[in-house]
C-alpha atoms as a PDB file:
ATOM      1  CA  MET A   1     150.914 -11.062  58.937  1.00  0.00           C
ATOM      2  CA  ALA A   2     152.374  -8.207  57.992  1.00  0.00           C
ATOM      3  CA  LYS A   3     154.410 -10.467  54.971  1.00  0.00           C
ATOM      4  CA  ASN A   4     150.596 -11.048  53.620  1.00  0.00           C
ATOM      5  CA  LYS A   5     149.410  -7.768  53.716  1.00  0.00           C
ATOM      6  CA  ARG A   6     152.784  -6.385  51.815  1.00  0.00           C
ATOM      7  CA  ILE A   7     152.474  -9.347  48.907  1.00  0.00           C
ATOM      8  CA  ILE A   8     148.211  -7.481  48.703  1.00  0.00           C
ATOM      9  CA  GLN A   9     149.426  -4.351  48.582  1.00  0.00           C
ATOM     10  CA  TRP A  10     152.492  -5.161  45.683  1.00  0.00           C
ATOM     11  CA  ALA A  11     149.495  -7.307  43.935  1.00  0.00           C
ATOM     12  CA  LEU A  12     146.873  -4.203  43.841  1.00  0.00           C
ATOM     13  CA  LEU A  13     149.448  -2.037  42.765  1.00  0.00           C
ATOM     14  CA  ALA A  14     150.549  -4.478  39.770  1.00  0.00           C
ATOM     15  CA  VAL A  15     146.669  -4.630  39.086  1.00  0.00           C
ATOM     16  CA  SER A  16     145.909  -0.708  38.744  1.00  0.00           C
ATOM     17  CA  VAL A  17     149.476  -0.663  36.345  1.00  0.00           C
ATOM     18  CA  VAL A  18     148.725  -3.008  34.449  1.00  0.00           C
ATOM     19  CA  LEU A  19     144.954  -1.266  34.113  1.00  0.00           C
ATOM     20  CA  ILE A  20     146.257   2.051  33.456  1.00  0.00           C
ATOM     21  CA  ALA A  21     148.431   1.250  30.728  1.00  0.00           C
ATOM     22  CA  ALA A  22     145.447  -0.881  29.358  1.00  0.00           C
ATOM     23  CA  GLY A  23     143.458   2.414  29.406  1.00  0.00           C
ATOM     24  CA  PHE A  24     146.295   4.472  27.438  1.00  0.00           C
ATOM     25  CA  ILE A  25     145.978   1.965  24.703  1.00  0.00           C
ATOM     26  CA  ASP A  26     143.060   1.912  24.071  1.00  0.00           C
ATOM     27  CA  ASN A  27     142.883   5.747  24.530  1.00  0.00           C
ATOM     28  CA  GLY A  28     140.424   5.719  26.782  1.00  0.00           C
ATOM     29  CA  PHE A  29     142.445   8.837  28.202  1.00  0.00           C
ATOM     30  CA  ARG A  30     140.768  11.123  25.851  1.00  0.00           C
ATOM     31  CA  GLU A  31     137.258  10.136  26.292  1.00  0.00           C
ATOM     32  CA  VAL A  32     138.003  11.000  30.115  1.00  0.00           C
ATOM     33  CA  MET A  33     139.392  14.039  28.582  1.00  0.00           C
ATOM     34  CA  THR A  34     137.062  15.157  26.783  1.00  0.00           C
ATOM     35  CA  LYS A  35     134.012  14.524  29.067  1.00  0.00           C
ATOM     36  CA  ALA A  36     136.455  16.298  31.700  1.00  0.00           C
ATOM     37  CA  VAL A  37     136.602  19.258  30.019  1.00  0.00           C
ATOM     38  CA  MET A  38     132.922  19.340  28.984  1.00  0.00           C
ATOM     39  CA  ILE A  39     132.163  19.293  32.273  1.00  0.00           C
ATOM     40  CA  CYS A  40     134.628  22.428  33.200  1.00  0.00           C
ATOM     41  CA  LEU A  41     132.984  24.613  30.382  1.00  0.00           C
ATOM     42  CA  GLU A  42     129.057  23.820  31.695  1.00  0.00           C
ATOM     43  CA  CYS A  43     130.522  25.121  34.882  1.00  0.00           C
ATOM     44  CA  ILE A  44     131.365  28.430  33.966  1.00  0.00           C
ATOM     45  CA  GLY A  45     128.698  28.621  30.951  1.00  0.00           C
ATOM     46  CA  ILE A  46     130.818  28.313  28.300  1.00  0.00           C
ATOM     47  CA  GLY A  47     129.902  24.771  26.935  1.00  0.00           C
END
């Protein structure tokens, strides 16, 4: 049972790394960063 849990954890980690890398390759991080900055500026009343 513990071995199956360990395999699932490593598989989820691998999938996560692949999806994060795909986001960086697709420049998705820029869109997220732009939206985050705009939300923060709106919160303090500048944007």
